[in-house]
Amino acid sequence: MPSSTSRRGLRFGWVLLIAVAAALALWLSWASLQPVVGRGKARDELAAGLEAGQEGFAATTAEDAALLSSVLGAPAGSRTGYYCAIVHDDQGWMVARWRQECHLRTVTVYPTTASIDEVEQSIAALPDAEQRFGPRWQQVGLRPCSGLFSFARDQAHVSYVDDSCDPYSTADPSRTRSVDFTPLPAGVPGPPPYVLVERTQRISNTDLGCAPYPLFCQAPFEEPAVGE
């Protein structure tokens, strides 16, 4: 017949086993539920951002087009829509948390026969060009494939594409997904040279935290949750 000490040890073992099993069940439940909750939150914030931001963004890009068409001529086409990306913030060498960022985006293609210097000078002469497209590079020489103006937040990015550049691609990088309201027409951009004007505006920034796994902060999900 087992002693009272043995019985207490047996009961403690069963209690410990049940507690571990319950903790494991809770962890498994949260591991499967967290991506669902995160996607729902990301979609809700994206929808709110689209509703709040689309009208003003469309007005700004229309102003860009009116100004640029006066010096670059009619565009070959525009791509409008938004994209979302799963990104992370670091703390030292380690990933601290993950976020889903979404941006409205318009990309407009202007075929040109002008040189890169002529394009830069004509755009720089437009009213409020520095506020809209960024400051001039001053002593830095102009280079194709990169920005014609110094990058500044909330300003359109203007680049000159020639034969030395990779052609513009609509393919999404990893952990990014695009939704187009209006795609570029077939055959656009076409052969270089051409001017690419891209304006973006962030409309949502959803904190996703970390997936509930030990050791490292992993993304709760890999593909952005878009408005579908």
C-alpha atoms as a PDB file:
ATOM      1  CA  MET A   1       0.000   0.000   0.000  1.00  0.00           C
ATOM      2  CA  PRO A   2       1.546   3.385  -1.035  1.00  0.00           C
ATOM      3  CA  SER A   3       2.552   5.734   1.753  1.00  0.00           C
ATOM      4  CA  SER A   4       0.950   9.162   2.222  1.00  0.00           C
ATOM      5  CA  THR A   5       4.134  10.764   0.921  1.00  0.00           C
ATOM      6  CA  SER A   6       3.947   8.676  -2.254  1.00  0.00           C
ATOM      7  CA  ARG A   7       0.290   9.593  -2.737  1.00  0.00           C
ATOM      8  CA  ARG A   8       1.049  13.297  -2.327  1.00  0.00           C
ATOM      9  CA  GLY A   9       3.878  13.001  -4.840  1.00  0.00           C
ATOM     10  CA  LEU A  10       1.594  11.213  -7.289  1.00  0.00           C
ATOM     11  CA  ARG A  11      -1.103  13.877  -6.915  1.00  0.00           C
ATOM     12  CA  PHE A  12       1.474  16.632  -7.392  1.00  0.00           C
ATOM     13  CA  GLY A  13       2.722  14.912 -10.546  1.00  0.00           C
ATOM     14  CA  TRP A  14      -0.799  14.717 -11.978  1.00  0.00           C
ATOM     15  CA  VAL A  15      -1.495  18.368 -11.124  1.00  0.00           C
ATOM     16  CA  LEU A  16       1.783  19.401 -12.748  1.00  0.00           C
ATOM     17  CA  LEU A  17       1.020  17.326 -15.839  1.00  0.00           C
ATOM     18  CA  ILE A  18      -2.474  18.834 -16.166  1.00  0.00           C
ATOM     19  CA  ALA A  19      -1.067  22.373 -15.722  1.00  0.00           C
ATOM     20  CA  VAL A  20       1.556  21.791 -18.414  1.00  0.00           C
ATOM     21  CA  ALA A  21      -1.062  20.322 -20.756  1.00  0.00           C
ATOM     22  CA  ALA A  22      -3.380  23.300 -20.161  1.00  0.00           C
ATOM     23  CA  ALA A  23      -0.563  25.787 -20.766  1.00  0.00           C
ATOM     24  CA  LEU A  24       0.388  23.959 -23.963  1.00  0.00           C
ATOM     25  CA  ALA A  25      -3.234  23.976 -25.145  1.00  0.00           C
ATOM     26  CA  LEU A  26      -3.498  27.717 -24.476  1.00  0.00           C
ATOM     27  CA  TRP A  27      -0.236  28.376 -26.312  1.00  0.00           C
ATOM     28  CA  LEU A  28      -1.343  26.299 -29.319  1.00  0.00           C
ATOM     29  CA  SER A  29      -4.696  28.100 -29.359  1.00  0.00           C
ATOM     30  CA  TRP A  30      -3.026  31.524 -29.332  1.00  0.00           C
ATOM     31  CA  ALA A  31      -0.453  30.445 -31.940  1.00  0.00           C
ATOM     32  CA  SER A  32      -3.274  29.553 -34.320  1.00  0.00           C
ATOM     33  CA  LEU A  33      -5.502  32.504 -33.353  1.00  0.00           C
ATOM     34  CA  GLN A  34      -2.910  35.319 -33.401  1.00  0.00           C
ATOM     35  CA  PRO A  35      -2.497  35.423 -37.216  1.00  0.00           C
ATOM     36  CA  VAL A  36      -6.291  35.565 -37.629  1.00  0.00           C
ATOM     37  CA  VAL A  37      -6.572  38.440 -35.152  1.00  0.00           C
ATOM     38  CA  GLY A  38      -3.592  40.243 -36.719  1.00  0.00           C
ATOM     39  CA  ARG A  39      -4.953  39.940 -40.255  1.00  0.00           C
ATOM     40  CA  GLY A  40      -8.343  41.227 -39.180  1.00  0.00           C
ATOM     41  CA  LYS A  41      -6.791  44.208 -37.412  1.00  0.00           C
ATOM     42  CA  ALA A  42      -4.555  44.968 -40.426  1.00  0.00           C
ATOM     43  CA  ARG A  43      -7.505  44.824 -42.844  1.00  0.00           C
ATOM     44  CA  ASP A  44      -9.621  47.103 -40.648  1.00  0.00           C
ATOM     45  CA  GLU A  45      -6.862  49.713 -40.383  1.00  0.00           C
ATOM     46  CA  LEU A  46      -6.187  49.486 -44.124  1.00  0.00           C
ATOM     47  CA  ALA A  47      -9.869  50.050 -44.918  1.00  0.00           C
ATOM     48  CA  ALA A  48      -9.977  53.086 -42.598  1.00  0.00           C
ATOM     49  CA  GLY A  49      -6.807  54.467 -44.181  1.00  0.00           C
ATOM     50  CA  LEU A  50      -8.154  54.053 -47.695  1.00  0.00           C
ATOM     51  CA  GLU A  51     -11.368  55.842 -46.806  1.00  0.00           C
ATOM     52  CA  ALA A  52      -9.533  58.719 -45.133  1.00  0.00           C
ATOM     53  CA  GLY A  53      -6.675  59.123 -47.603  1.00  0.00           C
ATOM     54  CA  GLN A  54      -7.799  58.392 -51.142  1.00  0.00           C
ATOM     55  CA  GLU A  55      -9.492  61.684 -52.000  1.00  0.00           C
ATOM     56  CA  GLY A  56      -6.640  63.933 -50.863  1.00  0.00           C
ATOM     57  CA  PHE A  57      -4.019  61.683 -52.443  1.00  0.00           C
ATOM     58  CA  ALA A  58      -5.847  61.702 -55.783  1.00  0.00           C
ATOM     59  CA  ALA A  59      -5.936  65.508 -55.709  1.00  0.00           C
ATOM     60  CA  THR A  60      -2.189  65.698 -55.013  1.00  0.00           C
ATOM     61  CA  THR A  61      -1.288  63.303 -57.838  1.00  0.00           C
ATOM     62  CA  ALA A  62      -3.561  65.226 -60.215  1.00  0.00           C
ATOM     63  CA  GLU A  63      -1.623  68.389 -59.360  1.00  0.00           C
ATOM     64  CA  ASP A  64       1.652  66.520 -60.022  1.00  0.00           C
ATOM     65  CA  ALA A  65       0.372  65.419 -63.430  1.00  0.00           C
ATOM     66  CA  ALA A  66      -0.803  68.906 -64.428  1.00  0.00           C
ATOM     67  CA  LEU A  67       2.575  70.426 -63.595  1.00  0.00           C
ATOM     68  CA  LEU A  68       4.719  67.694 -65.121  1.00  0.00           C
ATOM     69  CA  SER A  69       2.709  67.461 -68.337  1.00  0.00           C
ATOM     70  CA  SER A  70       3.530  71.103 -69.001  1.00  0.00           C
ATOM     71  CA  VAL A  71       7.235  70.244 -69.325  1.00  0.00           C
ATOM     72  CA  LEU A  72       7.307  66.500 -70.076  1.00  0.00           C
ATOM     73  CA  GLY A  73       4.260  66.177 -72.303  1.00  0.00           C
ATOM     74  CA  ALA A  74       1.431  63.670 -72.000  1.00  0.00           C
ATOM     75  CA  PRO A  75       2.172  60.527 -69.970  1.00  0.00           C
ATOM     76  CA  ALA A  76       2.114  57.088 -71.559  1.00  0.00           C
ATOM     77  CA  GLY A  77       0.098  55.779 -68.625  1.00  0.00           C
ATOM     78  CA  SER A  78      -0.335  55.675 -64.859  1.00  0.00           C
ATOM     79  CA  ARG A  79      -0.579  52.899 -62.326  1.00  0.00           C
ATOM     80  CA  THR A  80      -2.737  53.668 -59.301  1.00  0.00           C
ATOM     81  CA  GLY A  81      -3.553  51.611 -56.235  1.00  0.00           C
ATOM     82  CA  TYR A  82      -1.894  50.645 -52.978  1.00  0.00           C
ATOM     83  CA  TYR A  83       0.613  48.179 -51.601  1.00  0.00           C
ATOM     84  CA  CYS A  84       1.144  46.597 -48.200  1.00  0.00           C
ATOM     85  CA  ALA A  85       4.356  45.161 -46.784  1.00  0.00           C
ATOM     86  CA  ILE A  86       5.280  43.131 -43.705  1.00  0.00           C
ATOM     87  CA  VAL A  87       8.240  44.978 -42.147  1.00  0.00           C
ATOM     88  CA  HIS A  88      10.142  44.757 -38.869  1.00  0.00           C
ATOM     89  CA  ASP A  89      11.714  47.086 -36.324  1.00  0.00           C
ATOM     90  CA  ASP A  90      15.071  46.105 -34.873  1.00  0.00           C
ATOM     91  CA  GLN A  91      16.541  46.487 -31.417  1.00  0.00           C
ATOM     92  CA  GLY A  92      20.268  46.131 -31.763  1.00  0.00           C
ATOM     93  CA  TRP A  93      20.906  43.050 -33.887  1.00  0.00           C
ATOM     94  CA  MET A  94      17.551  41.465 -33.098  1.00  0.00           C
ATOM     95  CA  VAL A  95      14.074  41.880 -34.572  1.00  0.00           C
ATOM     96  CA  ALA A  96      11.904  43.566 -31.935  1.00  0.00           C
ATOM     97  CA  ARG A  97       8.475  43.539 -33.592  1.00  0.00           C
ATOM     98  CA  TRP A  98       6.671  43.243 -36.930  1.00  0.00           C
ATOM     99  CA  ARG A  99       4.275  45.680 -38.592  1.00  0.00           C
ATOM    100  CA  GLN A 100       2.082  45.820 -41.677  1.00  0.00           C
ATOM    101  CA  GLU A 101       2.532  49.112 -43.501  1.00  0.00           C
ATOM    102  CA  CYS A 102       0.241  50.107 -46.374  1.00  0.00           C
ATOM    103  CA  HIS A 103       0.734  52.973 -48.823  1.00  0.00           C
ATOM    104  CA  LEU A 104      -1.317  54.529 -51.555  1.00  0.00           C
ATOM    105  CA  ARG A 105       0.777  54.698 -54.731  1.00  0.00           C
ATOM    106  CA  THR A 106       0.665  56.296 -58.165  1.00  0.00           C
ATOM    107  CA  VAL A 107       3.367  55.607 -60.784  1.00  0.00           C
ATOM    108  CA  THR A 108       3.296  57.681 -63.989  1.00  0.00           C
ATOM    109  CA  VAL A 109       5.460  57.099 -67.066  1.00  0.00           C
ATOM    110  CA  TYR A 110       6.551  59.983 -69.324  1.00  0.00           C
ATOM    111  CA  PRO A 111       8.364  59.019 -72.549  1.00  0.00           C
ATOM    112  CA  THR A 112      11.098  61.526 -73.335  1.00  0.00           C
ATOM    113  CA  THR A 113      13.769  62.378 -75.879  1.00  0.00           C
ATOM    114  CA  ALA A 114      15.404  64.924 -73.570  1.00  0.00           C
ATOM    115  CA  SER A 115      18.641  64.334 -71.678  1.00  0.00           C
ATOM    116  CA  ILE A 116      18.692  63.731 -67.930  1.00  0.00           C
ATOM    117  CA  ASP A 117      19.993  67.268 -67.336  1.00  0.00           C
ATOM    118  CA  GLU A 118      17.257  68.806 -69.469  1.00  0.00           C
ATOM    119  CA  VAL A 119      14.571  66.847 -67.630  1.00  0.00           C
ATOM    120  CA  GLU A 120      15.936  67.816 -64.220  1.00  0.00           C
ATOM    121  CA  GLN A 121      16.204  71.498 -65.137  1.00  0.00           C
ATOM    122  CA  SER A 122      12.707  71.669 -66.602  1.00  0.00           C
ATOM    123  CA  ILE A 123      11.140  70.072 -63.509  1.00  0.00           C
ATOM    124  CA  ALA A 124      13.216  72.201 -61.111  1.00  0.00           C
ATOM    125  CA  ALA A 125      11.843  75.335 -62.803  1.00  0.00           C
ATOM    126  CA  LEU A 126       8.231  74.406 -62.015  1.00  0.00           C
ATOM    127  CA  PRO A 127       6.384  76.316 -59.260  1.00  0.00           C
ATOM    128  CA  ASP A 128       6.983  74.800 -55.792  1.00  0.00           C
ATOM    129  CA  ALA A 129       9.142  72.080 -57.370  1.00  0.00           C
ATOM    130  CA  GLU A 130      11.316  71.650 -54.262  1.00  0.00           C
ATOM    131  CA  GLN A 131       8.310  71.155 -51.985  1.00  0.00           C
ATOM    132  CA  ARG A 132       6.654  68.760 -54.415  1.00  0.00           C
ATOM    133  CA  PHE A 133       9.597  66.753 -55.821  1.00  0.00           C
ATOM    134  CA  GLY A 134      12.489  67.428 -53.453  1.00  0.00           C
ATOM    135  CA  PRO A 135      15.596  69.655 -53.321  1.00  0.00           C
ATOM    136  CA  ARG A 136      18.104  69.659 -56.172  1.00  0.00           C
ATOM    137  CA  TRP A 137      21.302  67.659 -55.684  1.00  0.00           C
ATOM    138  CA  GLN A 138      23.521  70.754 -56.049  1.00  0.00           C
ATOM    139  CA  GLN A 139      27.107  69.450 -56.278  1.00  0.00           C
ATOM    140  CA  VAL A 140      26.145  65.793 -56.747  1.00  0.00           C
ATOM    141  CA  GLY A 141      26.055  64.701 -60.388  1.00  0.00           C
ATOM    142  CA  LEU A 142      22.795  63.399 -61.843  1.00  0.00           C
ATOM    143  CA  ARG A 143      22.598  59.669 -62.434  1.00  0.00           C
ATOM    144  CA  PRO A 144      19.999  57.635 -64.301  1.00  0.00           C
ATOM    145  CA  CYS A 145      18.087  54.900 -62.451  1.00  0.00           C
ATOM    146  CA  SER A 146      17.987  56.918 -59.207  1.00  0.00           C
ATOM    147  CA  GLY A 147      16.215  60.017 -57.946  1.00  0.00           C
ATOM    148  CA  LEU A 148      16.688  63.247 -59.877  1.00  0.00           C
ATOM    149  CA  PHE A 149      16.042  65.147 -56.648  1.00  0.00           C
ATOM    150  CA  SER A 150      17.122  64.606 -53.078  1.00  0.00           C
ATOM    151  CA  PHE A 151      14.694  62.367 -51.223  1.00  0.00           C
ATOM    152  CA  ALA A 152      12.327  64.066 -48.821  1.00  0.00           C
ATOM    153  CA  ARG A 153       9.314  62.654 -47.004  1.00  0.00           C
ATOM    154  CA  ASP A 154       5.900  63.207 -48.591  1.00  0.00           C
ATOM    155  CA  GLN A 155       7.402  64.212 -51.929  1.00  0.00           C
ATOM    156  CA  ALA A 156       7.153  62.432 -55.256  1.00  0.00           C
ATOM    157  CA  HIS A 157      10.148  60.396 -56.416  1.00  0.00           C
ATOM    158  CA  VAL A 158      11.304  61.294 -59.942  1.00  0.00           C
ATOM    159  CA  SER A 159      13.781  59.090 -61.809  1.00  0.00           C
ATOM    160  CA  TYR A 160      15.237  59.034 -65.319  1.00  0.00           C
ATOM    161  CA  VAL A 161      15.372  55.560 -66.884  1.00  0.00           C
ATOM    162  CA  ASP A 162      17.719  54.838 -69.786  1.00  0.00           C
ATOM    163  CA  ASP A 163      19.331  51.725 -71.294  1.00  0.00           C
ATOM    164  CA  SER A 164      21.643  51.328 -68.297  1.00  0.00           C
ATOM    165  CA  CYS A 165      18.711  50.814 -65.889  1.00  0.00           C
ATOM    166  CA  ASP A 166      16.664  47.758 -65.071  1.00  0.00           C
ATOM    167  CA  PRO A 167      13.241  48.202 -66.688  1.00  0.00           C
ATOM    168  CA  TYR A 168      10.352  49.146 -64.434  1.00  0.00           C
ATOM    169  CA  SER A 169       8.652  46.038 -63.053  1.00  0.00           C
ATOM    170  CA  THR A 170       5.286  45.598 -61.354  1.00  0.00           C
ATOM    171  CA  ALA A 171       6.469  42.412 -59.579  1.00  0.00           C
ATOM    172  CA  ASP A 172       6.226  42.571 -55.791  1.00  0.00           C
ATOM    173  CA  PRO A 173       9.224  41.879 -53.561  1.00  0.00           C
ATOM    174  CA  SER A 174       9.011  39.404 -50.711  1.00  0.00           C
ATOM    175  CA  ARG A 175       6.405  40.074 -47.989  1.00  0.00           C
ATOM    176  CA  THR A 176       4.744  42.722 -50.182  1.00  0.00           C
ATOM    177  CA  ARG A 177       1.443  42.715 -52.026  1.00  0.00           C
ATOM    178  CA  SER A 178       0.068  45.289 -54.453  1.00  0.00           C
ATOM    179  CA  VAL A 179      -3.533  46.015 -55.356  1.00  0.00           C
ATOM    180  CA  ASP A 180      -4.013  48.100 -58.508  1.00  0.00           C
ATOM    181  CA  PHE A 181      -7.058  50.266 -59.072  1.00  0.00           C
ATOM    182  CA  THR A 182      -5.693  51.128 -62.542  1.00  0.00           C
ATOM    183  CA  PRO A 183      -2.802  49.125 -64.047  1.00  0.00           C
ATOM    184  CA  LEU A 184      -0.356  50.483 -66.588  1.00  0.00           C
ATOM    185  CA  PRO A 185      -1.568  50.011 -70.172  1.00  0.00           C
ATOM    186  CA  ALA A 186      -0.102  47.073 -72.103  1.00  0.00           C
ATOM    187  CA  GLY A 187       3.322  47.902 -73.501  1.00  0.00           C
ATOM    188  CA  VAL A 188       4.010  50.714 -71.021  1.00  0.00           C
ATOM    189  CA  PRO A 189       6.663  51.817 -70.063  1.00  0.00           C
ATOM    190  CA  GLY A 190       8.078  50.779 -73.455  1.00  0.00           C
ATOM    191  CA  PRO A 191      11.681  51.349 -74.517  1.00  0.00           C
ATOM    192  CA  PRO A 192      13.786  53.947 -72.659  1.00  0.00           C
ATOM    193  CA  PRO A 193      14.442  56.717 -72.080  1.00  0.00           C
ATOM    194  CA  TYR A 194      11.467  57.662 -69.950  1.00  0.00           C
ATOM    195  CA  VAL A 195      10.759  59.485 -66.710  1.00  0.00           C
ATOM    196  CA  LEU A 196       9.134  57.633 -63.805  1.00  0.00           C
ATOM    197  CA  VAL A 197       7.253  59.626 -61.205  1.00  0.00           C
ATOM    198  CA  GLU A 198       6.134  57.702 -58.115  1.00  0.00           C
ATOM    199  CA  ARG A 199       4.199  59.208 -55.240  1.00  0.00           C
ATOM    200  CA  THR A 200       3.245  57.242 -52.132  1.00  0.00           C
ATOM    201  CA  GLN A 201       1.390  58.013 -48.924  1.00  0.00           C
ATOM    202  CA  ARG A 202       1.214  55.783 -45.877  1.00  0.00           C
ATOM    203  CA  ILE A 203      -2.354  55.027 -44.854  1.00  0.00           C
ATOM    204  CA  SER A 204      -1.948  52.325 -42.206  1.00  0.00           C
ATOM    205  CA  ASN A 205       0.710  51.030 -39.829  1.00  0.00           C
ATOM    206  CA  THR A 206      -0.501  47.993 -37.894  1.00  0.00           C
ATOM    207  CA  ASP A 207       1.540  46.612 -34.991  1.00  0.00           C
ATOM    208  CA  LEU A 208       1.666  42.812 -35.327  1.00  0.00           C
ATOM    209  CA  GLY A 209       4.092  42.059 -32.489  1.00  0.00           C
ATOM    210  CA  CYS A 210       5.851  38.689 -32.675  1.00  0.00           C
ATOM    211  CA  ALA A 211       4.622  35.192 -33.348  1.00  0.00           C
ATOM    212  CA  PRO A 212       4.427  33.268 -30.027  1.00  0.00           C
ATOM    213  CA  TYR A 213       7.521  31.134 -30.635  1.00  0.00           C
ATOM    214  CA  PRO A 214      10.607  30.901 -28.436  1.00  0.00           C
ATOM    215  CA  LEU A 215      14.037  32.456 -29.032  1.00  0.00           C
ATOM    216  CA  PHE A 216      13.396  34.789 -31.979  1.00  0.00           C
ATOM    217  CA  CYS A 217      10.735  37.333 -32.950  1.00  0.00           C
ATOM    218  CA  GLN A 218       9.133  35.851 -36.052  1.00  0.00           C
ATOM    219  CA  ALA A 219       6.424  37.405 -38.212  1.00  0.00           C
ATOM    220  CA  PRO A 220       2.908  36.264 -37.219  1.00  0.00           C
ATOM    221  CA  PHE A 221       2.192  35.899 -40.962  1.00  0.00           C
ATOM    222  CA  GLU A 222       4.249  36.321 -44.140  1.00  0.00           C
ATOM    223  CA  GLU A 223       1.761  37.646 -46.715  1.00  0.00           C
ATOM    224  CA  PRO A 224       0.131  41.056 -46.162  1.00  0.00           C
ATOM    225  CA  ALA A 225      -3.560  41.141 -45.341  1.00  0.00           C
ATOM    226  CA  VAL A 226      -5.196  43.315 -47.971  1.00  0.00           C
ATOM    227  CA  GLY A 227      -8.789  44.430 -48.455  1.00  0.00           C
ATOM    228  CA  GLU A 228     -10.391  41.360 -49.938  1.00  0.00           C
END
